[in-house]
Amino acid sequence: MAEKPSPTATHSENPQQKPFSGENPKKPSDAAPNSNQIKDPDDWVSGTEPMTGAQASYLKTLSEEAHDPEAFDPTLDKAEASKRIDALKQKMGM
């Protein structure tokens, strides 16, 4: 006959469980050095797709604030839009 577990046993007494340390096991410092956190837009798989609505809106706003309306082109792809956004932000000291 198998021995029954003690009625006062708790989950923390299970030797297979580790106590919660309070730390996030997937914190950014654990990311692989070649992860996609910062990737060159030219290397984006979806970089040739049309820019997103958010990119278009942000690029239009930045181009107006930078007094550079030619920087906005509604036919840009995602990668080129990202590069122009970065260039305008740098130009404006952002």
N, C-alpha and C. Protein backbone atom coordinates (compact mmCIF):
# COMPACT_ATOMS: atom_id res chain seq x y z
N MET A 1 0.84 -1.17 0.00
CA MET A 1 0.00 0.00 0.00
C MET A 1 0.89 1.24 0.00
N ALA A 2 0.57 2.21 -0.87
CA ALA A 2 1.37 3.42 -1.00
C ALA A 2 1.12 4.34 0.18
N GLU A 3 2.19 5.03 0.55
CA GLU A 3 2.08 5.96 1.67
C GLU A 3 1.43 7.25 1.20
N LYS A 4 0.46 7.78 1.95
CA LYS A 4 -0.23 9.01 1.59
C LYS A 4 0.63 10.20 1.98
N PRO A 5 0.56 11.29 1.16
CA PRO A 5 1.31 12.49 1.54
C PRO A 5 0.74 13.10 2.80
N SER A 6 1.60 13.76 3.52
CA SER A 6 1.20 14.42 4.75
C SER A 6 0.18 15.51 4.45
N PRO A 7 -0.89 15.62 5.24
CA PRO A 7 -1.88 16.68 5.00
C PRO A 7 -1.32 18.07 5.24
N THR A 8 -0.19 18.18 5.88
CA THR A 8 0.41 19.49 6.14
C THR A 8 1.49 19.83 5.13
N ALA A 9 1.73 18.95 4.16
CA ALA A 9 2.76 19.21 3.15
C ALA A 9 2.34 20.40 2.29
N THR A 10 3.31 21.21 1.89
CA THR A 10 3.03 22.36 1.03
C THR A 10 3.75 22.17 -0.29
N HIS A 11 3.37 22.97 -1.25
CA HIS A 11 4.01 22.89 -2.56
C HIS A 11 5.49 23.24 -2.48
N SER A 12 5.85 24.11 -1.58
CA SER A 12 7.25 24.53 -1.49
C SER A 12 8.15 23.39 -1.02
N GLU A 13 7.56 22.35 -0.45
CA GLU A 13 8.36 21.22 -0.01
C GLU A 13 8.68 20.27 -1.15
N ASN A 14 8.09 20.50 -2.31
CA ASN A 14 8.35 19.66 -3.47
C ASN A 14 9.78 19.93 -3.94
N PRO A 15 10.65 18.94 -3.96
CA PRO A 15 12.05 19.17 -4.32
C PRO A 15 12.23 19.57 -5.78
N GLN A 16 11.23 19.35 -6.63
CA GLN A 16 11.36 19.70 -8.04
C GLN A 16 11.04 21.16 -8.30
N GLN A 17 10.40 21.83 -7.38
CA GLN A 17 10.04 23.23 -7.58
C GLN A 17 11.11 24.15 -7.03
N LYS A 18 11.37 25.22 -7.77
CA LYS A 18 12.30 26.23 -7.30
C LYS A 18 11.49 27.39 -6.73
N PRO A 19 11.95 27.98 -5.66
CA PRO A 19 11.22 29.14 -5.13
C PRO A 19 11.29 30.30 -6.10
N PHE A 20 10.24 31.10 -6.13
CA PHE A 20 10.19 32.28 -7.01
C PHE A 20 11.22 33.29 -6.55
N SER A 21 12.09 33.71 -7.46
CA SER A 21 13.15 34.66 -7.10
C SER A 21 12.72 36.10 -7.26
N GLY A 22 11.59 36.34 -7.95
CA GLY A 22 11.13 37.71 -8.17
C GLY A 22 11.75 38.36 -9.39
N GLU A 23 12.63 37.67 -10.09
CA GLU A 23 13.28 38.23 -11.27
C GLU A 23 12.63 37.69 -12.53
N ASN A 24 12.62 38.51 -13.56
CA ASN A 24 12.08 38.10 -14.84
C ASN A 24 13.12 37.25 -15.56
N PRO A 25 12.81 36.00 -15.87
CA PRO A 25 13.81 35.15 -16.53
C PRO A 25 14.09 35.57 -17.97
N LYS A 26 13.26 36.42 -18.54
CA LYS A 26 13.46 36.86 -19.92
C LYS A 26 13.83 38.34 -19.99
N LYS A 27 14.58 38.80 -19.04
CA LYS A 27 14.98 40.20 -19.04
C LYS A 27 15.86 40.50 -20.25
N PRO A 28 15.88 41.76 -20.71
CA PRO A 28 16.63 42.11 -21.92
C PRO A 28 18.10 41.73 -21.89
N SER A 29 18.73 41.73 -20.74
CA SER A 29 20.16 41.41 -20.69
C SER A 29 20.42 39.95 -21.08
N ASP A 30 19.37 39.12 -21.06
CA ASP A 30 19.52 37.73 -21.45
C ASP A 30 19.35 37.53 -22.95
N ALA A 31 19.03 38.59 -23.68
CA ALA A 31 18.80 38.48 -25.11
C ALA A 31 20.09 38.12 -25.83
N ALA A 32 19.94 37.37 -26.87
CA ALA A 32 21.11 36.98 -27.67
C ALA A 32 21.72 38.23 -28.29
N PRO A 33 23.05 38.28 -28.41
CA PRO A 33 23.69 39.47 -28.96
C PRO A 33 23.26 39.78 -30.39
N ASN A 34 22.83 38.79 -31.14
CA ASN A 34 22.40 39.01 -32.51
C ASN A 34 20.88 39.00 -32.63
N SER A 35 20.19 39.36 -31.55
CA SER A 35 18.73 39.35 -31.59
C SER A 35 18.22 40.48 -32.47
N ASN A 36 16.91 40.53 -32.64
CA ASN A 36 16.32 41.54 -33.52
C ASN A 36 15.92 42.80 -32.77
N GLN A 37 16.46 43.03 -31.59
CA GLN A 37 16.10 44.23 -30.84
C GLN A 37 16.47 45.48 -31.62
N ILE A 38 17.64 45.51 -32.21
CA ILE A 38 18.06 46.64 -33.04
C ILE A 38 18.62 46.03 -34.32
N LYS A 39 17.85 46.16 -35.39
CA LYS A 39 18.26 45.55 -36.65
C LYS A 39 18.24 46.61 -37.73
N ASP A 40 19.22 46.56 -38.60
CA ASP A 40 19.29 47.49 -39.71
C ASP A 40 18.06 47.32 -40.59
N PRO A 41 17.36 48.41 -40.91
CA PRO A 41 16.16 48.29 -41.75
C PRO A 41 16.41 47.57 -43.07
N ASP A 42 17.62 47.64 -43.60
CA ASP A 42 17.93 46.95 -44.85
C ASP A 42 17.87 45.43 -44.68
N ASP A 43 17.97 44.96 -43.43
CA ASP A 43 17.94 43.52 -43.16
C ASP A 43 16.56 43.02 -42.76
N TRP A 44 15.56 43.90 -42.72
CA TRP A 44 14.21 43.49 -42.33
C TRP A 44 13.62 42.59 -43.40
N VAL A 45 12.99 41.52 -42.98
CA VAL A 45 12.30 40.62 -43.91
C VAL A 45 11.12 41.35 -44.55
N SER A 46 10.42 42.16 -43.77
CA SER A 46 9.24 42.88 -44.28
C SER A 46 9.58 44.30 -44.72
N GLY A 47 10.86 44.60 -44.89
CA GLY A 47 11.28 45.96 -45.21
C GLY A 47 10.79 46.49 -46.54
N THR A 48 10.46 45.60 -47.47
CA THR A 48 10.00 46.04 -48.78
C THR A 48 8.49 46.23 -48.85
N GLU A 49 7.80 45.94 -47.76
CA GLU A 49 6.35 46.16 -47.71
C GLU A 49 6.09 47.65 -47.54
N PRO A 50 4.91 48.12 -47.95
CA PRO A 50 4.59 49.55 -47.77
C PRO A 50 4.69 49.95 -46.30
N MET A 51 5.07 51.20 -46.06
CA MET A 51 5.19 51.65 -44.67
C MET A 51 3.83 51.55 -43.99
N THR A 52 3.88 51.41 -42.68
CA THR A 52 2.66 51.29 -41.90
C THR A 52 1.99 52.65 -41.76
N GLY A 53 0.75 52.63 -41.35
CA GLY A 53 0.03 53.88 -41.10
C GLY A 53 0.71 54.71 -40.03
N ALA A 54 1.21 54.03 -39.00
CA ALA A 54 1.90 54.74 -37.92
C ALA A 54 3.18 55.40 -38.43
N GLN A 55 3.93 54.68 -39.27
CA GLN A 55 5.14 55.26 -39.85
C GLN A 55 4.79 56.47 -40.71
N ALA A 56 3.76 56.35 -41.53
CA ALA A 56 3.37 57.45 -42.42
C ALA A 56 2.99 58.69 -41.61
N SER A 57 2.20 58.48 -40.58
CA SER A 57 1.77 59.60 -39.74
C SER A 57 2.96 60.27 -39.05
N TYR A 58 3.84 59.45 -38.48
CA TYR A 58 5.00 59.99 -37.76
C TYR A 58 5.95 60.69 -38.71
N LEU A 59 6.19 60.08 -39.87
CA LEU A 59 7.09 60.68 -40.85
C LEU A 59 6.54 62.01 -41.35
N LYS A 60 5.24 62.08 -41.59
CA LYS A 60 4.62 63.32 -42.05
C LYS A 60 4.77 64.40 -40.98
N THR A 61 4.50 64.06 -39.74
CA THR A 61 4.63 65.01 -38.64
C THR A 61 6.07 65.50 -38.51
N LEU A 62 7.03 64.58 -38.52
CA LEU A 62 8.44 64.96 -38.40
C LEU A 62 8.89 65.82 -39.57
N SER A 63 8.46 65.48 -40.78
CA SER A 63 8.88 66.26 -41.95
C SER A 63 8.34 67.68 -41.87
N GLU A 64 7.12 67.84 -41.35
CA GLU A 64 6.55 69.18 -41.18
C GLU A 64 7.30 69.95 -40.10
N GLU A 65 7.57 69.30 -38.97
CA GLU A 65 8.28 69.96 -37.87
C GLU A 65 9.71 70.33 -38.27
N ALA A 66 10.32 69.54 -39.13
CA ALA A 66 11.69 69.80 -39.58
C ALA A 66 11.73 70.76 -40.77
N HIS A 67 10.55 71.22 -41.21
CA HIS A 67 10.45 72.11 -42.38
C HIS A 67 11.11 71.46 -43.59
N ASP A 68 10.86 70.15 -43.74
CA ASP A 68 11.43 69.37 -44.83
C ASP A 68 10.32 68.50 -45.44
N PRO A 69 9.35 69.13 -46.12
CA PRO A 69 8.21 68.36 -46.64
C PRO A 69 8.59 67.30 -47.66
N GLU A 70 9.73 67.45 -48.34
CA GLU A 70 10.16 66.45 -49.31
C GLU A 70 10.55 65.13 -48.64
N ALA A 71 10.80 65.16 -47.34
CA ALA A 71 11.18 63.93 -46.63
C ALA A 71 10.01 62.95 -46.57
N PHE A 72 8.79 63.48 -46.70
CA PHE A 72 7.63 62.59 -46.69
C PHE A 72 7.28 62.16 -48.10
N ASP A 73 7.19 60.86 -48.29
CA ASP A 73 6.79 60.29 -49.58
C ASP A 73 5.85 59.13 -49.26
N PRO A 74 4.59 59.23 -49.63
CA PRO A 74 3.63 58.18 -49.26
C PRO A 74 3.90 56.82 -49.91
N THR A 75 4.83 56.75 -50.85
CA THR A 75 5.11 55.47 -51.51
C THR A 75 6.30 54.72 -50.91
N LEU A 76 6.86 55.23 -49.81
CA LEU A 76 8.03 54.58 -49.20
C LEU A 76 7.68 53.20 -48.65
N ASP A 77 8.69 52.33 -48.62
CA ASP A 77 8.50 51.04 -47.95
C ASP A 77 8.90 51.19 -46.48
N LYS A 78 8.65 50.14 -45.71
CA LYS A 78 8.91 50.19 -44.27
C LYS A 78 10.36 50.55 -43.94
N ALA A 79 11.30 49.94 -44.64
CA ALA A 79 12.72 50.17 -44.34
C ALA A 79 13.12 51.61 -44.63
N GLU A 80 12.73 52.13 -45.79
CA GLU A 80 13.10 53.50 -46.15
C GLU A 80 12.41 54.50 -45.22
N ALA A 81 11.17 54.25 -44.86
CA ALA A 81 10.46 55.13 -43.94
C ALA A 81 11.18 55.18 -42.59
N SER A 82 11.63 54.02 -42.12
CA SER A 82 12.34 53.96 -40.85
C SER A 82 13.64 54.77 -40.91
N LYS A 83 14.36 54.63 -42.03
CA LYS A 83 15.61 55.38 -42.17
C LYS A 83 15.35 56.89 -42.21
N ARG A 84 14.30 57.30 -42.90
CA ARG A 84 13.99 58.73 -42.96
C ARG A 84 13.54 59.26 -41.61
N ILE A 85 12.77 58.48 -40.89
CA ILE A 85 12.36 58.88 -39.54
C ILE A 85 13.59 59.08 -38.67
N ASP A 86 14.51 58.12 -38.70
CA ASP A 86 15.74 58.23 -37.91
C ASP A 86 16.55 59.47 -38.31
N ALA A 87 16.65 59.73 -39.61
CA ALA A 87 17.42 60.88 -40.09
C ALA A 87 16.77 62.19 -39.64
N LEU A 88 15.45 62.28 -39.72
CA LEU A 88 14.77 63.50 -39.29
C LEU A 88 14.90 63.70 -37.78
N LYS A 89 14.78 62.62 -37.03
CA LYS A 89 14.94 62.73 -35.58
C LYS A 89 16.34 63.22 -35.23
N GLN A 90 17.35 62.72 -35.93
CA GLN A 90 18.72 63.15 -35.68
C GLN A 90 18.88 64.62 -36.07
N LYS A 91 18.32 65.00 -37.20
CA LYS A 91 18.40 66.39 -37.67
C LYS A 91 17.78 67.35 -36.66
N MET A 92 16.71 66.89 -36.00
CA MET A 92 16.00 67.73 -35.04
C MET A 92 16.55 67.58 -33.62
N GLY A 93 17.58 66.77 -33.45
CA GLY A 93 18.18 66.61 -32.13
C GLY A 93 17.35 65.77 -31.18
N MET A 94 16.60 64.87 -31.71
CA MET A 94 15.74 64.01 -30.88
C MET A 94 16.45 62.72 -30.54
